[in-house]
Structures are given as C-alpha cells and as structure tokens.
Protein backbone atom coordinates (compact mmCIF):
# COMPACT_ATOMS: atom_id res chain seq x y z
CA UNK A 1 16.34 -12.46 17.01
CA UNK A 2 15.35 -9.29 15.19
CA UNK A 3 16.54 -8.87 11.60
CA UNK A 4 18.83 -5.82 11.54
CA UNK A 5 19.55 -5.81 7.80
CA UNK A 6 19.40 -2.52 5.93
CA UNK A 7 16.02 -1.59 4.51
CA UNK A 8 15.44 -1.56 0.80
CA UNK A 9 16.40 1.71 -0.90
CA UNK A 10 13.56 4.23 -1.19
CA UNK A 11 13.79 4.31 -5.01
CA UNK A 12 13.38 0.51 -5.22
CA UNK A 13 10.36 0.65 -2.92
CA UNK A 14 8.77 3.47 -4.92
CA UNK A 15 9.45 1.69 -8.22
CA UNK A 16 7.99 -1.61 -6.94
CA UNK A 17 4.83 0.09 -5.66
CA UNK A 18 4.41 2.01 -8.92
CA UNK A 19 4.81 -1.23 -10.91
CA UNK A 20 2.15 -2.98 -8.86
CA UNK A 21 -0.32 -0.13 -9.18
CA UNK A 22 0.29 0.37 -12.91
CA UNK A 23 0.29 -3.29 -13.96
CA UNK A 24 -2.10 -5.04 -11.57
CA UNK A 25 -4.77 -5.16 -14.29
CA UNK A 26 -2.45 -7.42 -16.32
CA UNK A 27 -2.56 -10.11 -13.61
CA UNK A 28 -5.45 -12.23 -12.37
CA UNK A 29 -5.29 -10.50 -8.95
CA UNK A 30 -3.34 -7.88 -7.05
CA UNK A 31 -1.73 -10.64 -5.02
CA UNK A 32 -0.44 -12.28 -8.20
CA UNK A 33 0.98 -8.94 -9.35
CA UNK A 34 2.70 -8.40 -6.01
CA UNK A 35 4.23 -11.88 -5.97
CA UNK A 36 5.46 -11.58 -9.54
CA UNK A 37 6.95 -8.10 -9.17
CA UNK A 38 8.56 -8.93 -5.82
CA UNK A 39 10.27 -11.93 -7.41
CA UNK A 40 11.39 -9.93 -10.46
CA UNK A 41 12.88 -7.12 -8.35
CA UNK A 42 14.54 -9.43 -5.83
CA UNK A 43 12.43 -8.33 -2.88
CA UNK A 44 12.79 -10.93 -0.14
CA UNK A 45 9.11 -11.52 0.53
CA UNK A 46 5.93 -10.53 -1.25
CA UNK A 47 4.60 -9.39 2.12
CA UNK A 48 7.12 -6.54 2.19
CA UNK A 49 5.86 -5.27 -1.15
CA UNK A 50 2.24 -5.79 -0.07
CA UNK A 51 2.92 -3.60 3.00
CA UNK A 52 4.55 -0.90 0.86
CA UNK A 53 1.55 -0.84 -1.50
CA UNK A 54 -0.88 -0.55 1.43
CA UNK A 55 1.17 2.28 2.97
CA UNK A 56 1.29 4.08 -0.39
CA UNK A 57 -2.51 3.85 -0.56
CA UNK A 58 -2.82 5.26 2.96
CA UNK A 59 -0.43 8.10 2.09
CA UNK A 60 -2.49 8.86 -1.03
CA UNK A 61 -5.72 8.93 1.00
CA UNK A 62 -7.15 5.89 -0.78
CA UNK A 63 -7.16 3.71 2.34
CA UNK A 64 -7.77 4.58 5.99
CA UNK A 65 -4.81 4.53 8.34
CA UNK A 66 -1.86 6.49 9.66
CA UNK A 67 0.16 8.19 6.93
CA UNK A 68 3.94 7.97 6.86
CA UNK A 69 4.32 11.61 7.89
CA UNK A 70 1.86 11.16 10.77
CA UNK A 71 3.73 8.06 11.94
CA UNK A 72 7.03 9.96 11.86
CA UNK A 73 5.48 12.82 13.85
CA UNK A 74 4.10 10.39 16.44
CA UNK A 75 7.50 8.72 16.72
CA UNK A 76 9.22 12.11 17.13
CA UNK A 77 6.78 13.18 19.83
CA UNK A 78 7.19 9.90 21.73
CA UNK A 79 10.97 10.42 21.75
CA UNK A 80 10.48 14.00 22.91
CA UNK A 81 8.09 12.90 25.68
CA UNK A 82 10.58 10.28 26.88
CA UNK A 83 13.34 12.91 26.98
CA UNK A 84 11.12 15.31 28.91
CA UNK A 85 10.23 12.57 31.40
CA UNK A 86 13.94 11.83 31.95
CA UNK A 87 14.69 15.52 32.44
CA UNK A 88 11.76 15.83 34.86
CA UNK A 89 13.05 12.88 36.93
CA UNK A 90 16.51 14.48 37.08
CA UNK A 91 15.01 17.79 38.21
CA UNK A 92 12.90 16.04 40.88
CA UNK A 93 15.97 14.24 42.21
CA UNK A 94 18.00 17.47 42.22
CA UNK A 95 15.28 19.42 44.01
CA UNK A 96 14.97 16.69 46.64
CA UNK A 97 18.73 16.74 47.15
CA UNK A 98 18.88 20.51 47.55
CA UNK A 99 15.80 20.58 49.79
CA UNK A 100 17.51 18.05 52.08
CA UNK A 101 20.63 20.23 52.12
CA UNK A 102 18.59 23.25 53.18
CA UNK A 103 16.85 21.32 55.96
CA UNK A 104 20.13 20.01 57.40
CA UNK A 105 21.35 22.03 60.38
CA UNK A 106 24.59 23.88 59.76
CA UNK A 107 27.21 24.60 62.40
CA UNK A 108 29.12 27.84 62.23
CA UNK A 109 32.79 27.86 62.97
C-alpha cells in the first residue's frame, strides 16, 4: 500500500537541507550529518533528507539531474498531453457517429 501521509512542510525541508549543507564539515561524513539532523528534526527516515539534499544540489546546478521546476513542467505537459489525447478520442468518436448518420439513407415523409 502506498503511504498517503502529508509531505513535510516546505520550510522544514529547506531548514533541514540548509543545516546539512552548513554543518556537514562538523561530522565525520555527510551521511553522519544527514542521520543526525534527520533524527534531531523528527524526519522519519534519513533517506528522505538525503533525497532533499540531492535535489537541492541539482536545483543549484551542483549536481546533474532534472531540476524541480523542470520536473514540474514535465508533469504539467504529461497531464496536458493526456487531456489532449482524451479530447482527440472524443472527437474521433463524434466524427464517426456523425459520418454514419450522413451515410444512412433518409426517407422523406
């Protein structure tokens, strides 16, 4: 089953990422910093914080990958494409229906 809990608030995510990036030199490794900060801030898993840090690095251009804004644009365009496909199918069905109506012989009374 998929976890449908609410995501962490944006300000908590930003604060956690900033803490990791600003204090990682005070820990033996970045992983240790992430685990410690995640526990201190009550973030369920260190992996969540690790993902946020990686995404922040991508957004800042420090790591290759798809930025948050690019991912949102891709998502928006996929929704738009799906909607256009549905509309196209409706129009095809309607045109087939009306074409059949025009081909049917009509009797005049």
